[in-house]
Amino acid sequence: MKKVLLTLSVIGMTFLASCGGGKDAVEATDAQETSTASETATEYVVNTAVSSTSWKGGKIYEDTSKPEEGHYGSVKLKSGTVTVKDGVLESGSFVADQTTFESADKNDLPDEKAKLDGHLKSGDFLDVEKFPEAKFEITKVTKLDTGDYNTEISGNLDFRGVPKNVTFKANVKEEAGKVTIKSEEFKINRQDFGITFKGGGGSIIKDDVLLQLDVTADKK
């Protein structure tokens, strides 16, 4: 059966990183062969109106008396497809429009929001003019029988032209003609994808970024 590609806006990969939490960044390895769907799998199309990807990032200061500064926001999914058999995810693809990236924590400060979003979309970070989309292709799915999540997903995250394989956990549910995928907050290292901007004005951009997927797909 046809191979299903998965594209995801690197989930608003705002590589301003902060992200609390004690977990280490997920390992980013070489890209792998993408997964395929079985002939009897059901295909679902991502509902871009209700699906979202989110990010959290931040910076610290050389002057340690200043508190750490964090930001958070989202980026819109442009398209996506997943295949499921007997409630188990088999393959899929998400596409996100990097030009829709925004920082929600600045919503009440439009001038600051415009300045921050403009910088994060620039060549220092997302470089959306050159890379208007980010991609994620599922390469492996493992069903989990214990813990808070029922699925482990591995896939090639192609961000700014740098494909890396990453793994995270999620809850996948198939019910009433819909599939939902709600991931854990997982941490990536921005430098794995060539984002090396260090900061300025006495600030230091943290390398870690938290990402989270909340996807709903409808039966095709």
N, C-alpha and C. Protein backbone atom coordinates (compact mmCIF):
# COMPACT_ATOMS: atom_id res chain seq x y z
N MET A 1 0.86 -1.20 0.00
CA MET A 1 0.00 0.00 0.00
C MET A 1 0.88 1.23 0.00
N LYS A 2 0.37 2.32 -0.47
CA LYS A 2 1.17 3.52 -0.60
C LYS A 2 1.78 3.94 0.73
N LYS A 3 2.94 4.49 0.64
CA LYS A 3 3.63 5.01 1.82
C LYS A 3 3.01 6.34 2.19
N VAL A 4 2.72 6.51 3.44
CA VAL A 4 2.09 7.76 3.88
C VAL A 4 3.14 8.65 4.52
N LEU A 5 3.28 9.83 3.97
CA LEU A 5 4.23 10.79 4.51
C LEU A 5 3.59 11.61 5.59
N LEU A 6 4.42 12.09 6.47
CA LEU A 6 3.87 12.85 7.57
C LEU A 6 4.63 14.14 7.72
N THR A 7 3.90 15.21 7.62
CA THR A 7 4.54 16.49 7.72
C THR A 7 4.01 17.26 8.87
N LEU A 8 4.87 17.84 9.61
CA LEU A 8 4.42 18.57 10.78
C LEU A 8 5.22 19.84 10.93
N SER A 9 4.51 20.87 11.24
CA SER A 9 5.18 22.10 11.44
C SER A 9 5.95 21.94 12.67
N VAL A 10 7.04 21.66 12.51
CA VAL A 10 7.85 21.41 13.65
C VAL A 10 7.29 22.13 14.75
N ILE A 11 6.23 21.94 14.68
CA ILE A 11 5.48 22.40 15.73
C ILE A 11 6.03 23.64 16.26
N GLY A 12 5.71 24.54 15.55
CA GLY A 12 6.09 25.85 15.90
C GLY A 12 7.41 25.82 16.49
N MET A 13 8.32 25.45 15.78
CA MET A 13 9.60 25.29 16.36
C MET A 13 10.28 26.59 16.62
N THR A 14 9.91 27.25 17.48
CA THR A 14 10.46 28.48 17.93
C THR A 14 11.68 28.18 18.66
N PHE A 15 12.70 28.33 18.11
CA PHE A 15 13.85 27.85 18.83
C PHE A 15 14.39 28.83 19.83
N LEU A 16 13.54 29.36 20.53
CA LEU A 16 13.86 30.10 21.74
C LEU A 16 13.61 29.04 22.75
N ALA A 17 14.45 28.49 23.41
CA ALA A 17 14.10 27.38 24.23
C ALA A 17 14.10 27.61 25.70
N SER A 18 13.19 27.04 26.34
CA SER A 18 13.17 27.09 27.79
C SER A 18 12.63 25.79 28.24
N CYS A 19 11.43 25.77 28.49
CA CYS A 19 10.71 24.58 28.75
C CYS A 19 10.91 23.89 30.04
N GLY A 20 10.89 24.15 31.01
CA GLY A 20 10.95 23.46 32.27
C GLY A 20 10.81 21.97 32.16
N GLY A 21 10.69 21.33 33.19
CA GLY A 21 10.57 19.90 33.17
C GLY A 21 11.92 19.27 33.31
N GLY A 22 11.97 18.11 33.93
CA GLY A 22 13.26 17.50 34.20
C GLY A 22 13.76 16.58 33.11
N LYS A 23 12.95 16.30 32.10
CA LYS A 23 13.37 15.37 31.06
C LYS A 23 14.49 15.95 30.21
N ASP A 24 15.36 15.04 29.74
CA ASP A 24 16.37 15.44 28.77
C ASP A 24 15.71 15.58 27.40
N ALA A 25 16.39 16.29 26.50
CA ALA A 25 15.91 16.38 25.13
C ALA A 25 15.92 15.00 24.51
N VAL A 26 14.93 14.72 23.65
CA VAL A 26 14.90 13.42 22.97
C VAL A 26 16.11 13.32 22.05
N GLU A 27 16.58 12.10 21.85
CA GLU A 27 17.73 11.89 20.98
C GLU A 27 17.32 12.12 19.54
N ALA A 28 18.12 12.89 18.81
CA ALA A 28 17.87 13.14 17.39
C ALA A 28 18.90 12.37 16.59
N THR A 29 18.45 11.34 15.87
CA THR A 29 19.34 10.47 15.12
C THR A 29 19.12 10.64 13.62
N ASP A 30 19.85 9.88 12.82
CA ASP A 30 19.71 9.96 11.38
C ASP A 30 18.29 9.57 10.96
N ALA A 31 17.82 10.17 9.86
CA ALA A 31 16.49 9.87 9.34
C ALA A 31 16.37 8.39 8.98
N GLN A 32 15.15 7.84 9.16
CA GLN A 32 14.89 6.43 8.91
C GLN A 32 13.86 6.25 7.81
N GLU A 33 13.70 5.01 7.35
CA GLU A 33 12.68 4.68 6.35
C GLU A 33 11.29 4.92 6.95
N THR A 34 10.41 5.54 6.20
CA THR A 34 9.07 5.83 6.72
C THR A 34 8.20 4.57 6.77
N SER A 35 7.23 4.59 7.67
CA SER A 35 6.35 3.43 7.84
C SER A 35 5.30 3.37 6.73
N THR A 36 4.71 2.21 6.56
CA THR A 36 3.65 2.02 5.56
C THR A 36 2.39 1.51 6.24
N ALA A 37 1.26 1.72 5.62
CA ALA A 37 -0.01 1.27 6.16
C ALA A 37 -0.39 -0.08 5.56
N SER A 38 -1.04 -0.91 6.35
CA SER A 38 -1.53 -2.19 5.83
C SER A 38 -2.74 -1.94 4.93
N GLU A 39 -3.08 -2.92 4.11
CA GLU A 39 -4.16 -2.74 3.13
C GLU A 39 -5.51 -2.52 3.79
N THR A 40 -5.69 -3.03 5.00
CA THR A 40 -6.99 -2.92 5.66
C THR A 40 -7.05 -1.76 6.66
N ALA A 41 -6.02 -0.95 6.71
CA ALA A 41 -6.01 0.20 7.62
C ALA A 41 -7.00 1.27 7.12
N THR A 42 -7.51 2.06 8.05
CA THR A 42 -8.43 3.15 7.71
C THR A 42 -7.66 4.46 7.68
N GLU A 43 -7.92 5.27 6.68
CA GLU A 43 -7.22 6.54 6.52
C GLU A 43 -8.06 7.68 7.08
N TYR A 44 -7.41 8.58 7.78
CA TYR A 44 -8.05 9.76 8.37
C TYR A 44 -7.31 11.01 7.92
N VAL A 45 -8.07 12.08 7.73
CA VAL A 45 -7.50 13.36 7.29
C VAL A 45 -7.53 14.34 8.45
N VAL A 46 -6.41 14.97 8.72
CA VAL A 46 -6.29 15.89 9.85
C VAL A 46 -7.25 17.07 9.69
N ASN A 47 -8.00 17.36 10.73
CA ASN A 47 -8.89 18.52 10.76
C ASN A 47 -8.06 19.71 11.22
N THR A 48 -7.63 20.54 10.29
CA THR A 48 -6.73 21.64 10.61
C THR A 48 -7.40 22.75 11.42
N ALA A 49 -8.75 22.74 11.44
CA ALA A 49 -9.46 23.78 12.18
C ALA A 49 -9.39 23.57 13.69
N VAL A 50 -9.22 22.33 14.12
CA VAL A 50 -9.22 22.05 15.55
C VAL A 50 -7.92 21.45 16.06
N SER A 51 -7.02 21.10 15.16
CA SER A 51 -5.73 20.53 15.56
C SER A 51 -4.73 21.64 15.83
N SER A 52 -3.76 21.34 16.68
CA SER A 52 -2.77 22.36 16.99
C SER A 52 -1.44 21.74 17.39
N THR A 53 -0.40 22.50 17.26
CA THR A 53 0.91 22.15 17.80
C THR A 53 1.34 23.32 18.65
N SER A 54 2.04 23.04 19.72
CA SER A 54 2.45 24.12 20.61
C SER A 54 3.92 24.03 20.97
N TRP A 55 4.45 25.12 21.45
CA TRP A 55 5.87 25.18 21.81
C TRP A 55 6.04 25.99 23.09
N LYS A 56 7.14 25.74 23.75
CA LYS A 56 7.57 26.55 24.90
C LYS A 56 9.08 26.72 24.79
N GLY A 57 9.54 27.94 25.00
CA GLY A 57 10.97 28.20 24.92
C GLY A 57 11.35 29.36 25.81
N GLY A 58 12.63 29.69 25.87
CA GLY A 58 13.02 30.79 26.73
C GLY A 58 14.50 31.10 26.71
N LYS A 59 14.89 31.96 27.63
CA LYS A 59 16.28 32.39 27.72
C LYS A 59 16.64 32.72 29.16
N ILE A 60 17.94 32.71 29.41
CA ILE A 60 18.47 33.13 30.70
C ILE A 60 19.37 34.34 30.46
N TYR A 61 19.84 34.93 31.55
CA TYR A 61 20.66 36.14 31.43
C TYR A 61 22.04 35.93 32.06
N GLU A 62 23.02 36.60 31.48
CA GLU A 62 24.36 36.58 32.06
C GLU A 62 24.34 37.15 33.47
N ASP A 63 23.49 38.13 33.68
CA ASP A 63 23.26 38.68 35.01
C ASP A 63 22.30 37.74 35.74
N THR A 64 22.83 36.90 36.59
CA THR A 64 22.03 35.86 37.22
C THR A 64 20.98 36.39 38.19
N SER A 65 21.01 37.70 38.46
CA SER A 65 19.98 38.26 39.33
C SER A 65 18.67 38.45 38.57
N LYS A 66 18.74 38.40 37.23
CA LYS A 66 17.53 38.52 36.42
C LYS A 66 16.85 37.16 36.31
N PRO A 67 15.52 37.12 36.41
CA PRO A 67 14.82 35.83 36.31
C PRO A 67 14.83 35.29 34.88
N GLU A 68 14.74 33.99 34.77
CA GLU A 68 14.64 33.34 33.46
C GLU A 68 13.37 33.82 32.76
N GLU A 69 13.45 34.03 31.46
CA GLU A 69 12.31 34.51 30.68
C GLU A 69 11.82 33.42 29.74
N GLY A 70 10.52 33.13 29.78
CA GLY A 70 9.96 32.09 28.93
C GLY A 70 8.89 32.61 27.99
N HIS A 71 8.69 31.92 26.91
CA HIS A 71 7.64 32.25 25.94
C HIS A 71 6.94 30.96 25.53
N TYR A 72 5.70 31.10 25.03
CA TYR A 72 4.97 29.93 24.55
C TYR A 72 4.01 30.37 23.45
N GLY A 73 3.60 29.41 22.64
CA GLY A 73 2.68 29.73 21.56
C GLY A 73 2.33 28.52 20.74
N SER A 74 1.95 28.76 19.50
CA SER A 74 1.48 27.66 18.64
C SER A 74 1.79 27.95 17.18
N VAL A 75 1.58 26.94 16.37
CA VAL A 75 1.68 27.08 14.92
C VAL A 75 0.60 26.22 14.32
N LYS A 76 0.00 26.66 13.23
CA LYS A 76 -1.14 25.95 12.65
C LYS A 76 -0.69 24.81 11.74
N LEU A 77 -1.44 23.71 11.82
CA LEU A 77 -1.22 22.62 10.88
C LEU A 77 -1.85 22.97 9.55
N LYS A 78 -1.15 22.64 8.49
CA LYS A 78 -1.62 22.95 7.14
C LYS A 78 -2.37 21.78 6.52
N SER A 79 -1.91 20.57 6.84
CA SER A 79 -2.55 19.35 6.33
C SER A 79 -1.98 18.16 7.08
N GLY A 80 -2.55 16.99 6.80
CA GLY A 80 -2.03 15.80 7.45
C GLY A 80 -2.91 14.60 7.20
N THR A 81 -2.32 13.42 7.30
CA THR A 81 -3.03 12.16 7.10
C THR A 81 -2.47 11.12 8.05
N VAL A 82 -3.36 10.29 8.62
CA VAL A 82 -2.90 9.17 9.45
C VAL A 82 -3.68 7.93 9.07
N THR A 83 -3.09 6.77 9.30
CA THR A 83 -3.78 5.51 9.08
C THR A 83 -3.80 4.73 10.38
N VAL A 84 -4.93 4.08 10.65
CA VAL A 84 -5.13 3.36 11.90
C VAL A 84 -5.80 2.02 11.59
N LYS A 85 -5.38 0.98 12.31
CA LYS A 85 -6.02 -0.33 12.19
C LYS A 85 -6.30 -0.85 13.60
N ASP A 86 -7.57 -1.15 13.87
CA ASP A 86 -7.99 -1.69 15.17
C ASP A 86 -7.51 -0.80 16.32
N GLY A 87 -7.61 0.51 16.11
CA GLY A 87 -7.26 1.46 17.14
C GLY A 87 -5.78 1.74 17.29
N VAL A 88 -4.96 1.11 16.46
CA VAL A 88 -3.50 1.27 16.56
C VAL A 88 -3.00 2.09 15.37
N LEU A 89 -2.29 3.16 15.65
CA LEU A 89 -1.70 4.00 14.61
C LEU A 89 -0.68 3.21 13.81
N GLU A 90 -0.72 3.33 12.49
CA GLU A 90 0.25 2.62 11.65
C GLU A 90 1.21 3.58 10.93
N SER A 91 0.68 4.65 10.41
CA SER A 91 1.52 5.60 9.67
C SER A 91 0.81 6.94 9.67
N GLY A 92 1.44 7.96 9.09
CA GLY A 92 0.76 9.23 9.03
C GLY A 92 1.64 10.38 8.61
N SER A 93 1.03 11.54 8.47
CA SER A 93 1.78 12.73 8.10
C SER A 93 1.06 13.98 8.54
N PHE A 94 1.85 14.98 8.98
CA PHE A 94 1.29 16.28 9.36
C PHE A 94 2.10 17.35 8.64
N VAL A 95 1.42 18.43 8.25
CA VAL A 95 2.13 19.56 7.66
C VAL A 95 1.73 20.81 8.40
N ALA A 96 2.71 21.65 8.76
CA ALA A 96 2.35 22.89 9.44
C ALA A 96 2.94 24.06 8.70
N ASP A 97 2.23 25.13 8.76
CA ASP A 97 2.61 26.36 8.07
C ASP A 97 3.43 27.22 9.03
N GLN A 98 4.73 27.26 8.83
CA GLN A 98 5.61 27.99 9.74
C GLN A 98 5.32 29.49 9.76
N THR A 99 4.72 29.98 8.71
CA THR A 99 4.42 31.42 8.67
C THR A 99 3.33 31.80 9.66
N THR A 100 2.59 30.80 10.20
CA THR A 100 1.54 31.09 11.17
C THR A 100 2.05 31.05 12.60
N PHE A 101 3.32 30.80 12.77
CA PHE A 101 3.91 30.72 14.10
C PHE A 101 3.66 32.02 14.88
N GLU A 102 3.30 31.86 16.17
CA GLU A 102 3.10 33.05 16.99
C GLU A 102 3.38 32.74 18.46
N SER A 103 3.66 33.81 19.21
CA SER A 103 3.89 33.71 20.65
C SER A 103 2.65 34.20 21.38
N ALA A 104 1.92 33.27 21.99
CA ALA A 104 0.66 33.62 22.65
C ALA A 104 0.86 34.41 23.93
N ASP A 105 2.02 34.30 24.56
CA ASP A 105 2.24 35.00 25.82
C ASP A 105 2.32 36.51 25.64
N LYS A 106 2.44 36.96 24.40
CA LYS A 106 2.53 38.39 24.12
C LYS A 106 1.23 38.94 23.51
N ASN A 107 0.15 38.20 23.61
CA ASN A 107 -1.10 38.64 22.97
C ASN A 107 -1.60 39.99 23.47
N ASP A 108 -1.34 40.31 24.72
CA ASP A 108 -1.81 41.58 25.29
C ASP A 108 -0.84 42.73 25.05
N LEU A 109 0.28 42.42 24.37
CA LEU A 109 1.30 43.43 24.08
C LEU A 109 1.63 43.36 22.60
N PRO A 110 0.76 43.90 21.74
CA PRO A 110 0.91 43.71 20.30
C PRO A 110 2.24 44.17 19.72
N ASP A 111 2.79 45.25 20.22
CA ASP A 111 4.07 45.72 19.68
C ASP A 111 5.19 44.74 20.02
N GLU A 112 5.20 44.29 21.28
CA GLU A 112 6.22 43.32 21.70
C GLU A 112 6.03 41.99 20.98
N LYS A 113 4.77 41.61 20.78
CA LYS A 113 4.46 40.36 20.08
C LYS A 113 4.99 40.40 18.65
N ALA A 114 4.74 41.50 17.95
CA ALA A 114 5.19 41.64 16.57
C ALA A 114 6.72 41.57 16.48
N LYS A 115 7.38 42.20 17.44
CA LYS A 115 8.85 42.20 17.45
C LYS A 115 9.40 40.81 17.70
N LEU A 116 8.83 40.12 18.72
CA LEU A 116 9.29 38.78 19.05
C LEU A 116 9.00 37.80 17.92
N ASP A 117 7.77 37.81 17.42
CA ASP A 117 7.41 36.87 16.35
C ASP A 117 8.24 37.12 15.10
N GLY A 118 8.51 38.38 14.81
CA GLY A 118 9.33 38.70 13.64
C GLY A 118 10.73 38.15 13.77
N HIS A 119 11.28 38.26 14.98
CA HIS A 119 12.64 37.73 15.18
C HIS A 119 12.66 36.21 15.09
N LEU A 120 11.66 35.56 15.70
CA LEU A 120 11.63 34.11 15.69
C LEU A 120 11.37 33.54 14.29
N LYS A 121 10.75 34.33 13.42
CA LYS A 121 10.54 33.89 12.05
C LYS A 121 11.73 34.20 11.14
N SER A 122 12.69 34.94 11.67
CA SER A 122 13.84 35.37 10.88
C SER A 122 14.86 34.25 10.72
N GLY A 123 15.94 34.55 10.00
CA GLY A 123 17.00 33.58 9.78
C GLY A 123 17.71 33.13 11.04
N ASP A 124 17.57 33.89 12.13
CA ASP A 124 18.19 33.47 13.39
C ASP A 124 17.53 32.22 13.95
N PHE A 125 16.24 32.00 13.62
CA PHE A 125 15.49 30.90 14.19
C PHE A 125 14.79 30.08 13.10
N LEU A 126 13.52 30.36 12.85
CA LEU A 126 12.74 29.54 11.92
C LEU A 126 13.08 29.74 10.46
N ASP A 127 13.50 30.94 10.10
CA ASP A 127 13.81 31.29 8.70
C ASP A 127 12.64 30.90 7.79
N VAL A 128 11.45 31.42 8.09
CA VAL A 128 10.24 31.00 7.38
C VAL A 128 10.21 31.41 5.92
N GLU A 129 10.97 32.43 5.56
CA GLU A 129 11.00 32.83 4.15
C GLU A 129 11.62 31.72 3.30
N LYS A 130 12.65 31.09 3.84
CA LYS A 130 13.33 30.01 3.12
C LYS A 130 12.69 28.66 3.39
N PHE A 131 12.16 28.49 4.60
CA PHE A 131 11.56 27.21 4.99
C PHE A 131 10.14 27.45 5.53
N PRO A 132 9.16 27.68 4.66
CA PRO A 132 7.80 28.00 5.10
C PRO A 132 7.05 26.83 5.73
N GLU A 133 7.56 25.62 5.56
CA GLU A 133 6.94 24.44 6.17
C GLU A 133 8.00 23.61 6.89
N ALA A 134 7.54 22.82 7.86
CA ALA A 134 8.39 21.82 8.50
C ALA A 134 7.68 20.48 8.33
N LYS A 135 8.44 19.39 8.35
CA LYS A 135 7.84 18.10 8.05
C LYS A 135 8.18 17.05 9.10
N PHE A 136 7.24 16.14 9.28
CA PHE A 136 7.45 15.00 10.17
C PHE A 136 6.86 13.77 9.52
N GLU A 137 7.66 12.71 9.35
CA GLU A 137 7.19 11.47 8.73
C GLU A 137 7.33 10.34 9.74
N ILE A 138 6.25 9.67 10.01
CA ILE A 138 6.28 8.56 10.96
C ILE A 138 7.11 7.41 10.40
N THR A 139 8.00 6.90 11.23
CA THR A 139 8.87 5.79 10.82
C THR A 139 8.60 4.52 11.62
N LYS A 140 8.06 4.68 12.83
CA LYS A 140 7.82 3.50 13.67
C LYS A 140 6.76 3.83 14.71
N VAL A 141 5.88 2.87 14.97
CA VAL A 141 4.86 3.02 16.00
C VAL A 141 4.90 1.80 16.90
N THR A 142 4.96 2.04 18.20
CA THR A 142 4.99 0.95 19.18
C THR A 142 3.83 1.10 20.14
N LYS A 143 3.01 0.06 20.28
CA LYS A 143 1.89 0.09 21.22
C LYS A 143 2.42 -0.10 22.63
N LEU A 144 1.96 0.73 23.57
CA LEU A 144 2.38 0.64 24.96
C LEU A 144 1.24 0.10 25.80
N ASP A 145 1.55 -0.82 26.69
CA ASP A 145 0.53 -1.44 27.53
C ASP A 145 0.52 -0.90 28.96
N THR A 146 1.52 -0.13 29.32
CA THR A 146 1.58 0.45 30.67
C THR A 146 1.96 1.92 30.60
N GLY A 147 1.70 2.65 31.67
CA GLY A 147 2.07 4.06 31.71
C GLY A 147 0.92 4.96 31.31
N ASP A 148 1.22 6.25 31.21
CA ASP A 148 0.19 7.26 30.93
C ASP A 148 -0.16 7.37 29.45
N TYR A 149 0.63 6.78 28.58
CA TYR A 149 0.40 6.89 27.14
C TYR A 149 0.32 5.51 26.51
N ASN A 150 -0.49 5.38 25.44
CA ASN A 150 -0.69 4.07 24.83
C ASN A 150 0.13 3.83 23.57
N THR A 151 0.90 4.84 23.15
CA THR A 151 1.65 4.72 21.89
C THR A 151 2.99 5.45 21.98
N GLU A 152 4.01 4.85 21.38
CA GLU A 152 5.30 5.53 21.20
C GLU A 152 5.49 5.76 19.71
N ILE A 153 5.76 6.99 19.33
CA ILE A 153 5.86 7.36 17.92
C ILE A 153 7.28 7.82 17.61
N SER A 154 7.87 7.25 16.57
CA SER A 154 9.15 7.72 16.06
C SER A 154 8.93 8.28 14.66
N GLY A 155 9.66 9.32 14.31
CA GLY A 155 9.49 9.89 12.99
C GLY A 155 10.59 10.84 12.60
N ASN A 156 10.68 11.10 11.32
CA ASN A 156 11.67 12.04 10.79
C ASN A 156 11.11 13.45 10.86
N LEU A 157 11.72 14.26 11.68
CA LEU A 157 11.34 15.67 11.79
C LEU A 157 12.27 16.45 10.88
N ASP A 158 11.73 17.00 9.81
CA ASP A 158 12.52 17.75 8.83
C ASP A 158 12.27 19.23 9.06
N PHE A 159 13.21 19.85 9.73
CA PHE A 159 13.08 21.25 10.09
C PHE A 159 14.23 22.04 9.51
N ARG A 160 13.90 23.09 8.78
CA ARG A 160 14.93 23.91 8.13
C ARG A 160 15.85 23.06 7.26
N GLY A 161 15.27 22.04 6.62
CA GLY A 161 16.04 21.20 5.71
C GLY A 161 16.94 20.20 6.38
N VAL A 162 16.79 20.02 7.70
CA VAL A 162 17.61 19.06 8.45
C VAL A 162 16.70 17.97 9.00
N PRO A 163 16.66 16.78 8.36
CA PRO A 163 15.80 15.70 8.85
C PRO A 163 16.49 14.91 9.97
N LYS A 164 15.80 14.76 11.10
CA LYS A 164 16.31 13.98 12.23
C LYS A 164 15.19 13.09 12.76
N ASN A 165 15.53 11.90 13.18
CA ASN A 165 14.54 10.99 13.73
C ASN A 165 14.42 11.20 15.23
N VAL A 166 13.19 11.43 15.70
CA VAL A 166 12.93 11.65 17.13
C VAL A 166 11.79 10.75 17.58
N THR A 167 11.71 10.51 18.89
CA THR A 167 10.70 9.62 19.45
C THR A 167 10.01 10.28 20.63
N PHE A 168 8.68 10.14 20.70
CA PHE A 168 7.92 10.68 21.82
C PHE A 168 6.70 9.79 22.06
N LYS A 169 6.05 9.98 23.21
CA LYS A 169 4.87 9.19 23.56
C LYS A 169 3.60 10.00 23.32
N ALA A 170 2.50 9.28 23.09
CA ALA A 170 1.22 9.95 22.83
C ALA A 170 0.08 9.00 23.17
N ASN A 171 -1.11 9.58 23.34
CA ASN A 171 -2.32 8.79 23.44
C ASN A 171 -3.06 8.88 22.11
N VAL A 172 -3.30 7.74 21.51
CA VAL A 172 -4.01 7.65 20.23
C VAL A 172 -5.36 6.98 20.48
N LYS A 173 -6.44 7.60 19.99
CA LYS A 173 -7.78 7.06 20.22
C LYS A 173 -8.58 7.12 18.93
N GLU A 174 -9.21 6.02 18.57
CA GLU A 174 -10.07 5.93 17.39
C GLU A 174 -11.50 5.69 17.85
N GLU A 175 -12.38 6.61 17.50
CA GLU A 175 -13.76 6.51 17.98
C GLU A 175 -14.69 7.36 17.13
N ALA A 176 -15.84 6.81 16.75
CA ALA A 176 -16.90 7.54 16.06
C ALA A 176 -16.40 8.30 14.84
N GLY A 177 -15.63 7.64 14.01
CA GLY A 177 -15.17 8.25 12.78
C GLY A 177 -14.08 9.28 12.95
N LYS A 178 -13.45 9.31 14.11
CA LYS A 178 -12.36 10.26 14.36
C LYS A 178 -11.18 9.56 15.02
N VAL A 179 -10.02 10.14 14.82
CA VAL A 179 -8.81 9.72 15.53
C VAL A 179 -8.22 10.95 16.21
N THR A 180 -7.87 10.80 17.47
CA THR A 180 -7.17 11.89 18.16
C THR A 180 -5.78 11.41 18.57
N ILE A 181 -4.82 12.32 18.48
CA ILE A 181 -3.44 12.06 18.89
C ILE A 181 -3.03 13.19 19.81
N LYS A 182 -2.82 12.87 21.05
CA LYS A 182 -2.40 13.87 22.03
C LYS A 182 -1.06 13.43 22.61
N SER A 183 -0.02 14.16 22.30
CA SER A 183 1.31 13.75 22.73
C SER A 183 1.66 14.31 24.10
N GLU A 184 2.68 13.72 24.67
CA GLU A 184 3.30 14.30 25.85
C GLU A 184 4.04 15.57 25.42
N GLU A 185 4.44 16.40 26.37
CA GLU A 185 5.38 17.47 26.05
C GLU A 185 6.76 16.82 25.95
N PHE A 186 7.36 16.93 24.77
CA PHE A 186 8.68 16.33 24.60
C PHE A 186 9.67 17.43 24.22
N LYS A 187 10.90 17.21 24.62
CA LYS A 187 11.91 18.26 24.50
C LYS A 187 12.90 17.93 23.39
N ILE A 188 13.16 18.89 22.53
CA ILE A 188 14.19 18.74 21.49
C ILE A 188 15.29 19.78 21.71
N ASN A 189 16.43 19.53 21.12
CA ASN A 189 17.55 20.47 21.18
C ASN A 189 17.62 21.21 19.84
N ARG A 190 17.44 22.51 19.87
CA ARG A 190 17.39 23.31 18.63
C ARG A 190 18.66 23.19 17.80
N GLN A 191 19.79 22.96 18.46
CA GLN A 191 21.05 22.89 17.72
C GLN A 191 21.14 21.64 16.86
N ASP A 192 20.36 20.60 17.20
CA ASP A 192 20.32 19.41 16.35
C ASP A 192 19.80 19.74 14.95
N PHE A 193 19.06 20.86 14.83
CA PHE A 193 18.46 21.25 13.56
C PHE A 193 19.11 22.51 12.99
N GLY A 194 20.31 22.81 13.46
CA GLY A 194 21.07 23.92 12.89
C GLY A 194 20.69 25.29 13.40
N ILE A 195 19.95 25.39 14.51
CA ILE A 195 19.59 26.68 15.08
C ILE A 195 20.64 27.02 16.13
N THR A 196 21.55 27.90 15.79
CA THR A 196 22.70 28.13 16.65
C THR A 196 22.78 29.55 17.23
N PHE A 197 21.77 30.38 16.96
CA PHE A 197 21.78 31.75 17.47
C PHE A 197 21.89 31.73 19.00
N LYS A 198 22.85 32.46 19.53
CA LYS A 198 23.15 32.37 20.97
C LYS A 198 22.40 33.39 21.81
N GLY A 199 21.99 34.51 21.22
CA GLY A 199 21.32 35.54 21.99
C GLY A 199 22.05 36.87 21.86
N GLY A 200 21.66 37.83 22.68
CA GLY A 200 22.29 39.15 22.64
C GLY A 200 21.79 40.00 23.78
N GLY A 201 22.45 41.12 24.00
CA GLY A 201 22.03 42.02 25.05
C GLY A 201 22.10 41.41 26.43
N GLY A 202 23.07 40.51 26.62
CA GLY A 202 23.22 39.87 27.92
C GLY A 202 22.34 38.66 28.13
N SER A 203 21.59 38.25 27.09
CA SER A 203 20.73 37.08 27.21
C SER A 203 21.35 35.88 26.50
N ILE A 204 20.99 34.68 26.94
CA ILE A 204 21.47 33.44 26.35
C ILE A 204 20.26 32.56 26.03
N ILE A 205 20.06 32.26 24.76
CA ILE A 205 18.93 31.42 24.35
C ILE A 205 19.19 29.98 24.78
N LYS A 206 18.25 29.39 25.46
CA LYS A 206 18.40 28.01 25.88
C LYS A 206 18.23 27.07 24.69
N ASP A 207 18.91 25.95 24.73
CA ASP A 207 18.89 25.02 23.61
C ASP A 207 17.62 24.17 23.56
N ASP A 208 17.03 23.89 24.70
CA ASP A 208 15.88 22.99 24.74
C ASP A 208 14.58 23.71 24.41
N VAL A 209 13.73 23.02 23.66
CA VAL A 209 12.40 23.52 23.30
C VAL A 209 11.39 22.41 23.56
N LEU A 210 10.29 22.75 24.21
CA LEU A 210 9.22 21.79 24.45
C LEU A 210 8.19 21.88 23.33
N LEU A 211 7.79 20.72 22.82
CA LEU A 211 6.78 20.63 21.77
C LEU A 211 5.66 19.70 22.20
N GLN A 212 4.45 19.94 21.70
CA GLN A 212 3.32 19.08 22.03
C GLN A 212 2.32 19.08 20.88
N LEU A 213 1.81 17.91 20.55
CA LEU A 213 0.83 17.75 19.46
C LEU A 213 -0.55 17.44 20.02
N ASP A 214 -1.55 18.07 19.44
CA ASP A 214 -2.95 17.80 19.77
C ASP A 214 -3.71 17.78 18.45
N VAL A 215 -3.90 16.58 17.92
CA VAL A 215 -4.40 16.42 16.55
C VAL A 215 -5.71 15.65 16.53
N THR A 216 -6.64 16.13 15.72
CA THR A 216 -7.89 15.41 15.45
C THR A 216 -7.98 15.16 13.94
N ALA A 217 -8.27 13.92 13.56
CA ALA A 217 -8.39 13.59 12.15
C ALA A 217 -9.73 12.90 11.91
N ASP A 218 -10.35 13.19 10.78
CA ASP A 218 -11.66 12.64 10.43
C ASP A 218 -11.53 11.54 9.37
N LYS A 219 -12.41 10.56 9.47
CA LYS A 219 -12.38 9.44 8.53
C LYS A 219 -12.55 9.93 7.10
N LYS A 220 -11.73 9.45 6.23
CA LYS A 220 -11.74 9.91 4.83
C LYS A 220 -12.96 9.37 4.10
